[in-house]
PDB file of N, CA and C in Angstrom:
ATOM      1  N   MET A   1     -62.207  87.205 180.534  1.00  0.00           N
ATOM      2  CA  MET A   1     -62.188  88.474 179.817  1.00  0.00           C
ATOM      3  C   MET A   1     -63.391  88.543 178.889  1.00  0.00           C
ATOM      4  N   SER A   2     -64.162  89.566 178.991  1.00  0.00           N
ATOM      5  CA  SER A   2     -65.348  89.742 178.159  1.00  0.00           C
ATOM      6  C   SER A   2     -64.980  90.442 176.870  1.00  0.00           C
ATOM      7  N   PRO A   3     -65.785  90.241 175.830  1.00  0.00           N
ATOM      8  CA  PRO A   3     -65.533  90.981 174.596  1.00  0.00           C
ATOM      9  C   PRO A   3     -65.604  92.478 174.866  1.00  0.00           C
ATOM     10  N   SER A   4     -64.842  93.272 174.115  1.00  0.00           N
ATOM     11  CA  SER A   4     -64.828  94.711 174.354  1.00  0.00           C
ATOM     12  C   SER A   4     -66.105  95.394 173.885  1.00  0.00           C
ATOM     13  N   THR A   5     -66.771  94.823 172.918  1.00  0.00           N
ATOM     14  CA  THR A   5     -68.068  95.340 172.492  1.00  0.00           C
ATOM     15  C   THR A   5     -69.009  94.156 172.325  1.00  0.00           C
ATOM     16  N   PRO A   6     -70.307  94.377 172.503  1.00  0.00           N
ATOM     17  CA  PRO A   6     -71.245  93.271 172.349  1.00  0.00           C
ATOM     18  C   PRO A   6     -71.103  92.623 170.976  1.00  0.00           C
ATOM     19  N   GLY A   7     -71.008  91.311 170.975  1.00  0.00           N
ATOM     20  CA  GLY A   7     -70.911  90.596 169.714  1.00  0.00           C
ATOM     21  C   GLY A   7     -69.501  90.443 169.190  1.00  0.00           C
ATOM     22  N   GLU A   8     -68.514  91.079 169.836  1.00  0.00           N
ATOM     23  CA  GLU A   8     -67.126  90.931 169.397  1.00  0.00           C
ATOM     24  C   GLU A   8     -66.532  89.705 170.076  1.00  0.00           C
ATOM     25  N   LEU A   9     -66.059  88.755 169.280  1.00  0.00           N
ATOM     26  CA  LEU A   9     -65.517  87.515 169.819  1.00  0.00           C
ATOM     27  C   LEU A   9     -63.995  87.536 169.786  1.00  0.00           C
ATOM     28  N   ASP A  10     -63.385  87.056 170.860  1.00  0.00           N
ATOM     29  CA  ASP A  10     -61.934  86.928 170.944  1.00  0.00           C
ATOM     30  C   ASP A  10     -61.592  85.461 170.734  1.00  0.00           C
ATOM     31  N   LEU A  11     -61.162  85.120 169.529  1.00  0.00           N
ATOM     32  CA  LEU A  11     -60.871  83.729 169.209  1.00  0.00           C
ATOM     33  C   LEU A  11     -59.611  83.213 169.886  1.00  0.00           C
ATOM     34  N   SER A  12     -58.845  84.093 170.508  1.00  0.00           N
ATOM     35  CA  SER A  12     -57.661  83.646 171.247  1.00  0.00           C
ATOM     36  C   SER A  12     -57.997  83.318 172.703  1.00  0.00           C
ATOM     37  N   ALA A  13     -59.229  83.571 173.107  1.00  0.00           N
ATOM     38  CA  ALA A  13     -59.665  83.279 174.477  1.00  0.00           C
ATOM     39  C   ALA A  13     -59.766  81.769 174.676  1.00  0.00           C
ATOM     40  N   ASP A  14     -59.757  81.362 175.945  1.00  0.00           N
ATOM     41  CA  ASP A  14     -59.928  79.937 176.232  1.00  0.00           C
ATOM     42  C   ASP A  14     -61.342  79.505 175.839  1.00  0.00           C
ATOM     43  N   VAL A  15     -61.528  78.210 175.701  1.00  0.00           N
ATOM     44  CA  VAL A  15     -62.787  77.668 175.183  1.00  0.00           C
ATOM     45  C   VAL A  15     -63.983  78.039 176.069  1.00  0.00           C
ATOM     46  N   VAL A  16     -63.791  78.097 177.379  1.00  0.00           N
ATOM     47  CA  VAL A  16     -64.894  78.443 178.283  1.00  0.00           C
ATOM     48  C   VAL A  16     -65.319  79.892 178.072  1.00  0.00           C
ATOM     49  N   THR A  17     -64.350  80.790 177.966  1.00  0.00           N
ATOM     50  CA  THR A  17     -64.645  82.208 177.755  1.00  0.00           C
ATOM     51  C   THR A  17     -65.305  82.431 176.401  1.00  0.00           C
ATOM     52  N   LEU A  18     -64.794  81.773 175.368  1.00  0.00           N
ATOM     53  CA  LEU A  18     -65.374  81.912 174.030  1.00  0.00           C
ATOM     54  C   LEU A  18     -66.797  81.364 174.000  1.00  0.00           C
ATOM     55  N   THR A  19     -67.010  80.216 174.624  1.00  0.00           N
ATOM     56  CA  THR A  19     -68.357  79.647 174.679  1.00  0.00           C
ATOM     57  C   THR A  19     -69.309  80.578 175.424  1.00  0.00           C
ATOM     58  N   ALA A  20     -68.860  81.147 176.534  1.00  0.00           N
ATOM     59  CA  ALA A  20     -69.698  82.086 177.295  1.00  0.00           C
ATOM     60  C   ALA A  20     -70.052  83.298 176.449  1.00  0.00           C
ATOM     61  N   ALA A  21     -69.091  83.803 175.684  1.00  0.00           N
ATOM     62  CA  ALA A  21     -69.358  84.960 174.820  1.00  0.00           C
ATOM     63  C   ALA A  21     -70.395  84.612 173.758  1.00  0.00           C
ATOM     64  N   LEU A  22     -70.308  83.416 173.193  1.00  0.00           N
ATOM     65  CA  LEU A  22     -71.285  82.986 172.188  1.00  0.00           C
ATOM     66  C   LEU A  22     -72.671  82.824 172.809  1.00  0.00           C
ATOM     67  N   VAL A  23     -72.731  82.218 173.982  1.00  0.00           N
ATOM     68  CA  VAL A  23     -74.015  81.998 174.655  1.00  0.00           C
ATOM     69  C   VAL A  23     -74.661  83.323 175.050  1.00  0.00           C
ATOM     70  N   ASP A  24     -73.849  84.321 175.347  1.00  0.00           N
ATOM     71  CA  ASP A  24     -74.372  85.634 175.743  1.00  0.00           C
ATOM     72  C   ASP A  24     -75.016  86.401 174.588  1.00  0.00           C
ATOM     73  N   ILE A  25     -74.786  85.968 173.356  1.00  0.00           N
ATOM     74  CA  ILE A  25     -75.375  86.639 172.194  1.00  0.00           C
ATOM     75  C   ILE A  25     -76.750  86.032 171.934  1.00  0.00           C
ATOM     76  N   GLU A  26     -77.791  86.847 172.046  1.00  0.00           N
ATOM     77  CA  GLU A  26     -79.147  86.350 171.806  1.00  0.00           C
ATOM     78  C   GLU A  26     -79.260  85.875 170.361  1.00  0.00           C
ATOM     79  N   SER A  27     -79.751  84.644 170.197  1.00  0.00           N
ATOM     80  CA  SER A  27     -79.852  84.099 168.836  1.00  0.00           C
ATOM     81  C   SER A  27     -81.036  83.146 168.716  1.00  0.00           C
ATOM     82  N   VAL A  28     -82.180  83.586 169.202  1.00  0.00           N
ATOM     83  CA  VAL A  28     -83.379  82.761 169.095  1.00  0.00           C
ATOM     84  C   VAL A  28     -83.753  82.592 167.626  1.00  0.00           C
ATOM     85  N   SER A  29     -84.543  81.588 167.333  1.00  0.00           N
ATOM     86  CA  SER A  29     -84.942  81.315 165.953  1.00  0.00           C
ATOM     87  C   SER A  29     -85.451  82.563 165.260  1.00  0.00           C
ATOM     88  N   LYS A  30     -85.038  82.730 164.031  1.00  0.00           N
ATOM     89  CA  LYS A  30     -85.387  83.864 163.169  1.00  0.00           C
ATOM     90  C   LYS A  30     -84.660  85.150 163.571  1.00  0.00           C
ATOM     91  N   ASN A  31     -83.748  85.067 164.552  1.00  0.00           N
ATOM     92  CA  ASN A  31     -83.022  86.248 165.019  1.00  0.00           C
ATOM     93  C   ASN A  31     -81.543  85.904 165.222  1.00  0.00           C
ATOM     94  N   GLU A  32     -80.954  85.264 164.213  1.00  0.00           N
ATOM     95  CA  GLU A  32     -79.576  84.805 164.330  1.00  0.00           C
ATOM     96  C   GLU A  32     -78.561  85.763 163.722  1.00  0.00           C
ATOM     97  N   ALA A  33     -78.998  86.900 163.208  1.00  0.00           N
ATOM     98  CA  ALA A  33     -78.085  87.818 162.511  1.00  0.00           C
ATOM     99  C   ALA A  33     -76.948  88.299 163.405  1.00  0.00           C
ATOM    100  N   THR A  34     -77.235  88.611 164.651  1.00  0.00           N
ATOM    101  CA  THR A  34     -76.207  89.157 165.540  1.00  0.00           C
ATOM    102  C   THR A  34     -75.087  88.159 165.783  1.00  0.00           C
ATOM    103  N   ILE A  35     -75.431  86.905 166.042  1.00  0.00           N
ATOM    104  CA  ILE A  35     -74.387  85.909 166.290  1.00  0.00           C
ATOM    105  C   ILE A  35     -73.635  85.587 164.994  1.00  0.00           C
ATOM    106  N   ALA A  36     -74.341  85.560 163.874  1.00  0.00           N
ATOM    107  CA  ALA A  36     -73.670  85.330 162.590  1.00  0.00           C
ATOM    108  C   ALA A  36     -72.713  86.478 162.278  1.00  0.00           C
ATOM    109  N   ASP A  37     -73.125  87.709 162.562  1.00  0.00           N
ATOM    110  CA  ASP A  37     -72.247  88.872 162.373  1.00  0.00           C
ATOM    111  C   ASP A  37     -70.982  88.734 163.211  1.00  0.00           C
ATOM    112  N   ALA A  38     -71.136  88.328 164.473  1.00  0.00           N
ATOM    113  CA  ALA A  38     -69.994  88.201 165.380  1.00  0.00           C
ATOM    114  C   ALA A  38     -69.031  87.115 164.913  1.00  0.00           C
ATOM    115  N   VAL A  39     -69.571  85.975 164.514  1.00  0.00           N
ATOM    116  CA  VAL A  39     -68.728  84.872 164.037  1.00  0.00           C
ATOM    117  C   VAL A  39     -68.016  85.271 162.752  1.00  0.00           C
ATOM    118  N   GLU A  40     -68.756  85.858 161.819  1.00  0.00           N
ATOM    119  CA  GLU A  40     -68.146  86.285 160.556  1.00  0.00           C
ATOM    120  C   GLU A  40     -67.032  87.304 160.803  1.00  0.00           C
ATOM    121  N   SER A  41     -67.287  88.279 161.647  1.00  0.00           N
ATOM    122  CA  SER A  41     -66.299  89.313 161.942  1.00  0.00           C
ATOM    123  C   SER A  41     -65.035  88.715 162.558  1.00  0.00           C
ATOM    124  N   ALA A  42     -65.212  87.813 163.506  1.00  0.00           N
ATOM    125  CA  ALA A  42     -64.062  87.181 164.160  1.00  0.00           C
ATOM    126  C   ALA A  42     -63.252  86.357 163.162  1.00  0.00           C
ATOM    127  N   LEU A  43     -63.935  85.606 162.311  1.00  0.00           N
ATOM    128  CA  LEU A  43     -63.230  84.759 161.344  1.00  0.00           C
ATOM    129  C   LEU A  43     -62.560  85.575 160.245  1.00  0.00           C
ATOM    130  N   GLN A  44     -63.146  86.703 159.868  1.00  0.00           N
ATOM    131  CA  GLN A  44     -62.551  87.560 158.832  1.00  0.00           C
ATOM    132  C   GLN A  44     -61.184  88.082 159.260  1.00  0.00           C
ATOM    133  N   ARG A  45     -60.960  88.205 160.563  1.00  0.00           N
ATOM    134  CA  ARG A  45     -59.667  88.687 161.064  1.00  0.00           C
ATOM    135  C   ARG A  45     -58.560  87.647 160.907  1.00  0.00           C
ATOM    136  N   LEU A  46     -58.919  86.409 160.622  1.00  0.00           N
ATOM    137  CA  LEU A  46     -57.929  85.350 160.419  1.00  0.00           C
ATOM    138  C   LEU A  46     -57.640  85.260 158.923  1.00  0.00           C
ATOM    139  N   VAL A  47     -56.561  85.898 158.508  1.00  0.00           N
ATOM    140  CA  VAL A  47     -56.289  86.090 157.080  1.00  0.00           C
ATOM    141  C   VAL A  47     -56.058  84.787 156.323  1.00  0.00           C
ATOM    142  N   HIS A  48     -55.751  83.708 157.013  1.00  0.00           N
ATOM    143  CA  HIS A  48     -55.519  82.438 156.328  1.00  0.00           C
ATOM    144  C   HIS A  48     -56.824  81.719 155.975  1.00  0.00           C
ATOM    145  N   LEU A  49     -57.954  82.237 156.425  1.00  0.00           N
ATOM    146  CA  LEU A  49     -59.244  81.610 156.143  1.00  0.00           C
ATOM    147  C   LEU A  49     -59.985  82.324 155.023  1.00  0.00           C
ATOM    148  N   CYS A  50     -60.712  81.554 154.248  1.00  0.00           N
ATOM    149  CA  CYS A  50     -61.655  82.094 153.274  1.00  0.00           C
ATOM    150  C   CYS A  50     -63.030  81.993 153.940  1.00  0.00           C
ATOM    151  N   VAL A  51     -63.648  83.128 154.196  1.00  0.00           N
ATOM    152  CA  VAL A  51     -64.918  83.161 154.923  1.00  0.00           C
ATOM    153  C   VAL A  51     -66.034  83.522 153.956  1.00  0.00           C
ATOM    154  N   GLU A  52     -67.074  82.700 153.958  1.00  0.00           N
ATOM    155  CA  GLU A  52     -68.244  82.958 153.117  1.00  0.00           C
ATOM    156  C   GLU A  52     -69.481  82.950 153.999  1.00  0.00           C
ATOM    157  N   ARG A  53     -70.446  83.776 153.625  1.00  0.00           N
ATOM    158  CA  ARG A  53     -71.685  83.858 154.386  1.00  0.00           C
ATOM    159  C   ARG A  53     -72.868  83.762 153.441  1.00  0.00           C
ATOM    160  N   ASP A  54     -73.861  82.997 153.863  1.00  0.00           N
ATOM    161  CA  ASP A  54     -75.117  82.869 153.138  1.00  0.00           C
ATOM    162  C   ASP A  54     -76.228  83.034 154.169  1.00  0.00           C
ATOM    163  N   GLY A  55     -76.822  84.197 154.189  1.00  0.00           N
ATOM    164  CA  GLY A  55     -77.833  84.476 155.215  1.00  0.00           C
ATOM    165  C   GLY A  55     -77.179  84.506 156.579  1.00  0.00           C
ATOM    166  N   HIS A  56     -77.632  83.633 157.465  1.00  0.00           N
ATOM    167  CA  HIS A  56     -77.065  83.576 158.810  1.00  0.00           C
ATOM    168  C   HIS A  56     -76.110  82.395 158.968  1.00  0.00           C
ATOM    169  N   THR A  57     -75.687  81.808 157.858  1.00  0.00           N
ATOM    170  CA  THR A  57     -74.739  80.695 157.882  1.00  0.00           C
ATOM    171  C   THR A  57     -73.363  81.200 157.492  1.00  0.00           C
ATOM    172  N   VAL A  58     -72.368  80.873 158.313  1.00  0.00           N
ATOM    173  CA  VAL A  58     -70.990  81.296 158.062  1.00  0.00           C
ATOM    174  C   VAL A  58     -70.141  80.049 157.878  1.00  0.00           C
ATOM    175  N   VAL A  59     -69.362  80.034 156.802  1.00  0.00           N
ATOM    176  CA  VAL A  59     -68.480  78.904 156.497  1.00  0.00           C
ATOM    177  C   VAL A  59     -67.071  79.436 156.335  1.00  0.00           C
ATOM    178  N   ALA A  60     -66.111  78.755 156.952  1.00  0.00           N
ATOM    179  CA  ALA A  60     -64.707  79.167 156.819  1.00  0.00           C
ATOM    180  C   ALA A  60     -63.850  77.935 156.588  1.00  0.00           C
TER     181      ALA A  60
END
């Protein structure tokens, strides 16, 4: 199952599907904002986590 929109990650997907979704997001050096946005957005939906972002680094 693919994400419904580019950059939208389904954290309930199996590890292969989730990895494929991450790999499909272009994130070459100096251009990591899109993948950081996707990870941050996915983690923010998990209410038990405290999610912090510093630039393109996401910590939960």
